[in-house]
Protein backbone atom coordinates (compact mmCIF):
# COMPACT_ATOMS: atom_id res chain seq x y z
CA GLN A 1 -0.07 0.14 -0.13
CA VAL A 2 1.41 3.20 -1.06
CA GLN A 3 0.63 6.34 1.32
CA LEU A 4 1.62 9.96 0.52
CA VAL A 5 1.85 12.40 3.74
CA GLU A 6 2.12 15.71 3.12
CA SER A 7 3.38 18.83 5.48
CA GLY A 8 4.46 22.03 5.68
CA GLY A 9 1.24 24.03 4.97
CA GLY A 10 0.05 26.96 7.06
CA LEU A 11 -0.77 30.73 7.21
CA VAL A 12 1.43 33.22 5.64
CA GLN A 13 1.34 36.69 5.14
CA ALA A 14 1.59 38.04 1.38
CA GLY A 15 5.22 37.72 0.17
CA GLY A 16 6.16 35.20 2.84
CA SER A 17 7.44 31.71 2.10
CA LEU A 18 6.55 28.33 3.21
CA ARG A 19 8.04 24.68 2.20
CA LEU A 20 5.66 21.70 1.66
CA SER A 21 7.00 18.43 1.66
CA CYS A 22 5.58 14.96 0.63
CA ALA A 23 6.86 11.89 1.97
CA ALA A 24 5.73 8.56 -0.08
CA SER A 25 5.99 5.26 1.55
CA GLY A 26 5.13 1.56 1.11
CA ILE A 27 6.37 -0.85 -1.68
CA ILE A 28 8.10 1.57 -4.34
CA PHE A 29 10.89 1.04 -6.24
CA SER A 30 11.00 3.92 -8.20
CA ILE A 31 8.69 6.95 -9.06
CA ASN A 32 8.43 8.41 -12.60
CA VAL A 33 6.98 11.56 -11.65
CA MET A 34 6.29 13.53 -8.53
CA GLY A 35 4.51 16.98 -8.48
CA TRP A 36 2.16 19.27 -6.79
CA TYR A 37 -1.57 20.38 -7.69
CA ARG A 38 -3.82 22.84 -5.80
CA GLN A 39 -7.45 23.47 -5.68
CA ALA A 40 -9.17 26.49 -4.37
CA PRO A 41 -12.45 26.96 -3.51
CA GLY A 42 -15.02 26.58 -6.40
CA LYS A 43 -11.93 26.06 -8.86
CA GLN A 44 -10.60 22.84 -10.43
CA ARG A 45 -7.49 21.26 -9.28
CA GLU A 46 -4.53 22.60 -11.30
CA LEU A 47 -1.07 21.52 -11.85
CA VAL A 48 1.42 23.56 -10.04
CA ALA A 49 4.83 21.80 -10.43
CA THR A 50 6.19 18.41 -11.50
CA ALA A 51 10.05 16.76 -11.43
CA THR A 52 10.94 13.73 -13.15
CA ASN A 53 13.21 11.07 -12.12
CA GLY A 54 15.34 12.50 -14.87
CA GLY A 55 15.78 15.89 -13.43
CA SER A 56 13.00 17.72 -15.64
CA THR A 57 10.76 20.03 -14.12
CA ASN A 58 7.53 21.52 -15.01
CA TYR A 59 5.71 24.82 -13.86
CA ALA A 60 2.46 26.67 -14.11
CA ASP A 61 2.98 30.03 -15.61
CA SER A 62 1.16 31.58 -12.62
CA VAL A 63 4.08 30.23 -10.19
CA LYS A 64 7.26 30.33 -12.55
CA GLY A 65 9.88 32.19 -10.67
CA ARG A 66 8.62 31.83 -7.29
CA PHE A 67 7.94 28.48 -6.85
CA THR A 68 10.70 25.61 -7.01
CA ILE A 69 9.96 21.57 -6.98
CA SER A 70 12.61 19.54 -5.91
CA ARG A 71 13.01 15.54 -4.88
CA ASP A 72 14.98 13.37 -2.93
CA ASN A 73 14.76 10.04 -4.59
CA ALA A 74 16.50 8.37 -1.81
CA LYS A 75 13.90 9.27 0.62
CA ASN A 76 11.07 9.42 -2.26
CA THR A 77 10.10 12.90 -0.97
CA VAL A 78 9.13 15.91 -3.13
CA TYR A 79 9.30 19.21 -1.75
CA LEU A 80 7.68 22.55 -2.87
CA GLN A 81 9.53 25.91 -1.83
CA MET A 82 7.10 28.70 -2.13
CA ASN A 83 8.39 32.36 -2.18
CA SER A 84 6.87 35.74 -2.69
CA LEU A 85 3.57 34.05 -2.11
CA LYS A 86 0.52 35.80 -2.98
CA PRO A 87 -3.10 35.78 -1.67
CA GLU A 88 -4.31 33.91 -5.02
CA ASP A 89 -1.95 30.89 -4.11
CA THR A 90 -4.31 30.38 -1.28
CA ALA A 91 -5.39 26.31 -1.92
CA VAL A 92 -5.19 23.26 -0.60
CA TYR A 93 -1.98 21.47 -2.30
CA TYR A 94 -2.10 17.99 -2.93
CA CYS A 95 1.04 15.98 -4.22
CA LYS A 96 0.98 13.23 -6.46
CA ILE A 97 3.06 10.41 -7.56
CA ASN A 98 3.14 8.74 -10.69
CA LEU A 99 4.75 4.91 -10.61
CA PRO A 100 6.27 3.32 -13.42
CA SER A 101 3.41 0.73 -13.58
CA GLY A 102 1.03 3.62 -14.45
CA ARG A 103 -0.90 3.83 -11.05
CA ALA A 104 -0.78 7.47 -9.68
CA TYR A 105 -1.29 8.26 -5.90
CA TRP A 106 -2.66 11.31 -4.17
CA GLY A 107 -1.70 12.78 -0.85
CA GLN A 108 -4.19 13.82 1.31
CA GLY A 109 -3.95 17.78 0.97
CA THR A 110 -2.69 20.22 2.87
CA GLN A 111 -4.09 23.81 3.54
CA VAL A 112 -1.90 27.25 2.55
CA THR A 113 -3.22 30.31 3.17
CA VAL A 114 -1.93 33.92 2.26
CA SER A 115 -3.39 36.84 3.47
CA SER A 116 -2.93 39.85 2.10
């Protein structure tokens, strides 16, 4: 059974920073893609950033230059460093992993609230 445990969310003022972490556990030999998504109230879940096991990264235009995704393959952990936060970044942030088998798993979500 694969489980994802997220941490690092919270309340921060605009312009501040937060670092999210997501640790995957279970029978995992390798992870193709690790990523972060977010869902704001009344909106659809959207991609924030992804990182492949080959080192490629991808970001939503809205977070480019402010957020940085990284992964520690030895720990099956993905991070999201969020700087210069804006009120519009307020959302529940979810991590997701894609395994070579084709299966995907989601974390339970962590709330990020940015006050103006």
